[in-house]
């Protein structure tokens, strides 16, 4: 089983990513993760009820939507409705098979984006779902 890249709010330094760390696309993942400490602080302030979501996002200079996505990810909530789960799961499973067949030369986002139209989905929402849903993994994938 080839490891998948870290999701948006996962740290890239975990040892489980060592087999794919050498790929060019992996280096770009660190740029977005620089916001994680700010998101963590904003989420902590918001969660404690000291400030509203809007205030927390303004204080820590993070996007409100990204703060909501981070909160959902940390809390382990699924973003996939049960009615859509089957089709989305099929698309992700196929993308993972292609990712493995290509020996992870490209990020899985590439494969998800290219397959999305075949499942009657737009690419961006499906990629966003992959990156921000902590429960959305290929069938049989060991996290």
C-alpha atoms as a PDB file:
ATOM      1  CA  UNK A   1       0.000   0.000   0.000  1.00  0.00           C
ATOM      2  CA  UNK A   2       1.433   3.341  -1.081  1.00  0.00           C
ATOM      3  CA  UNK A   3       0.895   6.135   1.445  1.00  0.00           C
ATOM      4  CA  UNK A   4      -1.333   9.011   0.499  1.00  0.00           C
ATOM      5  CA  UNK A   5      -0.144  12.584   0.916  1.00  0.00           C
ATOM      6  CA  UNK A   6      -1.125  14.350   4.129  1.00  0.00           C
ATOM      7  CA  UNK A   7      -4.489  15.988   4.216  1.00  0.00           C
ATOM      8  CA  UNK A   8      -4.612  19.779   4.464  1.00  0.00           C
ATOM      9  CA  UNK A   9      -4.373  19.982   8.236  1.00  0.00           C
ATOM     10  CA  UNK A  10      -1.913  17.130   8.805  1.00  0.00           C
ATOM     11  CA  UNK A  11       1.756  17.710   9.503  1.00  0.00           C
ATOM     12  CA  UNK A  12       4.101  16.758   6.661  1.00  0.00           C
ATOM     13  CA  UNK A  13       6.934  15.699   8.974  1.00  0.00           C
ATOM     14  CA  UNK A  14       5.309  12.432  10.081  1.00  0.00           C
ATOM     15  CA  UNK A  15       7.455   9.370   9.295  1.00  0.00           C
ATOM     16  CA  UNK A  16       4.568   7.651   7.493  1.00  0.00           C
ATOM     17  CA  UNK A  17       5.141  10.047   4.582  1.00  0.00           C
ATOM     18  CA  UNK A  18       8.824   9.104   4.133  1.00  0.00           C
ATOM     19  CA  UNK A  19       8.191   6.845   1.092  1.00  0.00           C
ATOM     20  CA  UNK A  20       6.665   9.755  -0.873  1.00  0.00           C
ATOM     21  CA  UNK A  21       8.639  12.668   0.556  1.00  0.00           C
ATOM     22  CA  UNK A  22      11.152  12.719  -2.335  1.00  0.00           C
ATOM     23  CA  UNK A  23       8.557  13.708  -4.958  1.00  0.00           C
ATOM     24  CA  UNK A  24       8.624  17.299  -6.197  1.00  0.00           C
ATOM     25  CA  UNK A  25       4.956  17.904  -5.386  1.00  0.00           C
ATOM     26  CA  UNK A  26       5.518  16.949  -1.747  1.00  0.00           C
ATOM     27  CA  UNK A  27       7.755  19.961  -1.085  1.00  0.00           C
ATOM     28  CA  UNK A  28       4.922  22.329  -1.966  1.00  0.00           C
ATOM     29  CA  UNK A  29       2.729  20.893   0.787  1.00  0.00           C
ATOM     30  CA  UNK A  30       4.710  22.608   3.532  1.00  0.00           C
ATOM     31  CA  UNK A  31       3.743  26.095   2.377  1.00  0.00           C
ATOM     32  CA  UNK A  32       0.074  25.764   3.263  1.00  0.00           C
ATOM     33  CA  UNK A  33       0.807  24.129   6.605  1.00  0.00           C
ATOM     34  CA  UNK A  34       2.496  27.241   7.943  1.00  0.00           C
ATOM     35  CA  UNK A  35      -1.013  28.458   8.819  1.00  0.00           C
ATOM     36  CA  UNK A  36      -1.752  25.478  11.084  1.00  0.00           C
ATOM     37  CA  UNK A  37      -0.431  27.076  14.316  1.00  0.00           C
ATOM     38  CA  UNK A  38      -2.601  30.144  13.666  1.00  0.00           C
ATOM     39  CA  UNK A  39      -5.620  27.954  12.920  1.00  0.00           C
ATOM     40  CA  UNK A  40      -4.961  25.946  16.091  1.00  0.00           C
ATOM     41  CA  UNK A  41      -4.853  29.125  18.185  1.00  0.00           C
ATOM     42  CA  UNK A  42      -7.964  30.586  16.541  1.00  0.00           C
ATOM     43  CA  UNK A  43      -9.831  27.322  17.026  1.00  0.00           C
ATOM     44  CA  UNK A  44      -8.831  27.166  20.691  1.00  0.00           C
ATOM     45  CA  UNK A  45     -10.099  30.695  21.317  1.00  0.00           C
ATOM     46  CA  UNK A  46     -13.324  30.017  19.424  1.00  0.00           C
ATOM     47  CA  UNK A  47     -13.896  26.649  21.076  1.00  0.00           C
ATOM     48  CA  UNK A  48     -13.491  28.046  24.581  1.00  0.00           C
ATOM     49  CA  UNK A  49     -16.255  30.500  23.784  1.00  0.00           C
ATOM     50  CA  UNK A  50     -14.103  33.533  24.471  1.00  0.00           C
ATOM     51  CA  UNK A  51     -14.662  34.902  20.972  1.00  0.00           C
ATOM     52  CA  UNK A  52     -16.928  34.222  18.015  1.00  0.00           C
ATOM     53  CA  UNK A  53     -15.694  32.460  14.915  1.00  0.00           C
ATOM     54  CA  UNK A  54     -15.517  35.744  13.041  1.00  0.00           C
ATOM     55  CA  UNK A  55     -13.543  37.434  15.816  1.00  0.00           C
ATOM     56  CA  UNK A  56     -11.140  34.493  16.095  1.00  0.00           C
ATOM     57  CA  UNK A  57     -10.486  34.555  12.364  1.00  0.00           C
ATOM     58  CA  UNK A  58      -9.832  38.305  12.469  1.00  0.00           C
ATOM     59  CA  UNK A  59      -7.577  38.156  15.537  1.00  0.00           C
ATOM     60  CA  UNK A  60      -5.417  35.354  14.133  1.00  0.00           C
ATOM     61  CA  UNK A  61      -5.612  36.497  10.484  1.00  0.00           C
ATOM     62  CA  UNK A  62      -7.089  33.287   9.104  1.00  0.00           C
ATOM     63  CA  UNK A  63      -9.955  32.781   6.701  1.00  0.00           C
ATOM     64  CA  UNK A  64     -13.310  32.016   8.354  1.00  0.00           C
ATOM     65  CA  UNK A  65     -14.030  29.142   5.990  1.00  0.00           C
ATOM     66  CA  UNK A  66     -10.615  27.638   6.595  1.00  0.00           C
ATOM     67  CA  UNK A  67     -11.186  27.921  10.336  1.00  0.00           C
ATOM     68  CA  UNK A  68     -14.501  26.057   9.953  1.00  0.00           C
ATOM     69  CA  UNK A  69     -12.774  23.402   7.854  1.00  0.00           C
ATOM     70  CA  UNK A  70     -10.043  23.070  10.474  1.00  0.00           C
ATOM     71  CA  UNK A  71     -12.617  22.721  13.260  1.00  0.00           C
ATOM     72  CA  UNK A  72     -14.457  20.009  11.347  1.00  0.00           C
ATOM     73  CA  UNK A  73     -11.190  18.194  10.672  1.00  0.00           C
ATOM     74  CA  UNK A  74     -10.010  18.336  14.289  1.00  0.00           C
ATOM     75  CA  UNK A  75     -13.402  17.212  15.580  1.00  0.00           C
ATOM     76  CA  UNK A  76     -13.359  14.264  13.144  1.00  0.00           C
ATOM     77  CA  UNK A  77     -16.690  15.093  11.547  1.00  0.00           C
ATOM     78  CA  UNK A  78     -17.552  13.760   8.117  1.00  0.00           C
ATOM     79  CA  UNK A  79     -18.480  16.256   5.424  1.00  0.00           C
ATOM     80  CA  UNK A  80     -20.002  13.636   3.131  1.00  0.00           C
ATOM     81  CA  UNK A  81     -23.743  13.087   3.183  1.00  0.00           C
ATOM     82  CA  UNK A  82     -24.827   9.458   3.202  1.00  0.00           C
ATOM     83  CA  UNK A  83     -26.603   9.890  -0.134  1.00  0.00           C
ATOM     84  CA  UNK A  84     -23.386  11.027  -1.844  1.00  0.00           C
ATOM     85  CA  UNK A  85     -21.005   8.722   0.024  1.00  0.00           C
ATOM     86  CA  UNK A  86     -21.195   5.783  -2.401  1.00  0.00           C
ATOM     87  CA  UNK A  87     -20.433   7.752  -5.578  1.00  0.00           C
ATOM     88  CA  UNK A  88     -17.738   9.825  -3.923  1.00  0.00           C
ATOM     89  CA  UNK A  89     -16.138   6.721  -2.433  1.00  0.00           C
ATOM     90  CA  UNK A  90     -16.055   5.102  -5.854  1.00  0.00           C
ATOM     91  CA  UNK A  91     -14.344   8.152  -7.351  1.00  0.00           C
ATOM     92  CA  UNK A  92     -11.750   8.254  -4.563  1.00  0.00           C
ATOM     93  CA  UNK A  93     -11.064   4.524  -4.844  1.00  0.00           C
ATOM     94  CA  UNK A  94     -10.451   4.856  -8.582  1.00  0.00           C
ATOM     95  CA  UNK A  95      -8.209   7.902  -8.047  1.00  0.00           C
ATOM     96  CA  UNK A  96      -6.182   5.963  -5.484  1.00  0.00           C
ATOM     97  CA  UNK A  97      -5.717   3.057  -7.902  1.00  0.00           C
ATOM     98  CA  UNK A  98      -4.437   5.441 -10.571  1.00  0.00           C
ATOM     99  CA  UNK A  99      -2.206   7.206  -8.008  1.00  0.00           C
ATOM    100  CA  UNK A 100      -0.636   3.855  -7.109  1.00  0.00           C
ATOM    101  CA  UNK A 101      -0.337   2.760 -10.759  1.00  0.00           C
ATOM    102  CA  UNK A 102       1.532   5.989 -11.537  1.00  0.00           C
ATOM    103  CA  UNK A 103       3.840   5.285  -8.573  1.00  0.00           C
ATOM    104  CA  UNK A 104       2.743   8.588  -6.971  1.00  0.00           C
ATOM    105  CA  UNK A 105       4.511  10.715  -9.557  1.00  0.00           C
ATOM    106  CA  UNK A 106       1.646  13.195  -9.134  1.00  0.00           C
ATOM    107  CA  UNK A 107      -0.368  14.262  -6.123  1.00  0.00           C
ATOM    108  CA  UNK A 108      -3.641  12.393  -5.663  1.00  0.00           C
ATOM    109  CA  UNK A 109      -5.463  15.700  -6.273  1.00  0.00           C
ATOM    110  CA  UNK A 110      -4.485  15.359  -9.939  1.00  0.00           C
ATOM    111  CA  UNK A 111      -6.205  11.981 -10.210  1.00  0.00           C
ATOM    112  CA  UNK A 112      -9.268  13.092  -8.262  1.00  0.00           C
ATOM    113  CA  UNK A 113      -9.627  16.149 -10.514  1.00  0.00           C
ATOM    114  CA  UNK A 114      -9.297  14.135 -13.704  1.00  0.00           C
ATOM    115  CA  UNK A 115     -11.869  11.543 -12.596  1.00  0.00           C
ATOM    116  CA  UNK A 116     -14.459  13.884 -11.053  1.00  0.00           C
ATOM    117  CA  UNK A 117     -16.318  14.650 -14.324  1.00  0.00           C
ATOM    118  CA  UNK A 118     -16.821  10.937 -14.971  1.00  0.00           C
ATOM    119  CA  UNK A 119     -18.718  10.734 -11.700  1.00  0.00           C
ATOM    120  CA  UNK A 120     -20.702  13.902 -12.472  1.00  0.00           C
ATOM    121  CA  UNK A 121     -18.854  15.973  -9.878  1.00  0.00           C
ATOM    122  CA  UNK A 122     -16.926  19.173 -10.243  1.00  0.00           C
ATOM    123  CA  UNK A 123     -13.250  18.692  -9.506  1.00  0.00           C
ATOM    124  CA  UNK A 124     -12.731  21.437  -6.940  1.00  0.00           C
ATOM    125  CA  UNK A 125     -15.410  20.357  -4.421  1.00  0.00           C
ATOM    126  CA  UNK A 126     -14.240  16.759  -4.636  1.00  0.00           C
ATOM    127  CA  UNK A 127     -10.598  17.729  -4.057  1.00  0.00           C
ATOM    128  CA  UNK A 128     -11.659  19.998  -1.159  1.00  0.00           C
ATOM    129  CA  UNK A 129     -13.600  17.118   0.320  1.00  0.00           C
ATOM    130  CA  UNK A 130     -10.582  14.850   0.080  1.00  0.00           C
ATOM    131  CA  UNK A 131      -8.347  17.432   1.759  1.00  0.00           C
ATOM    132  CA  UNK A 132     -10.663  18.478   4.596  1.00  0.00           C
ATOM    133  CA  UNK A 133     -12.757  15.418   5.511  1.00  0.00           C
ATOM    134  CA  UNK A 134     -10.935  13.328   8.126  1.00  0.00           C
ATOM    135  CA  UNK A 135     -13.124  10.282   7.388  1.00  0.00           C
ATOM    136  CA  UNK A 136     -12.812  10.256   3.586  1.00  0.00           C
ATOM    137  CA  UNK A 137     -10.221   7.617   2.655  1.00  0.00           C
ATOM    138  CA  UNK A 138     -10.015   4.974  -0.076  1.00  0.00           C
ATOM    139  CA  UNK A 139     -11.716   1.705   0.780  1.00  0.00           C
ATOM    140  CA  UNK A 140      -9.398  -0.524   2.786  1.00  0.00           C
ATOM    141  CA  UNK A 141      -6.752   2.187   3.262  1.00  0.00           C
ATOM    142  CA  UNK A 142      -5.027   1.985   6.653  1.00  0.00           C
ATOM    143  CA  UNK A 143      -4.665   5.451   8.155  1.00  0.00           C
END
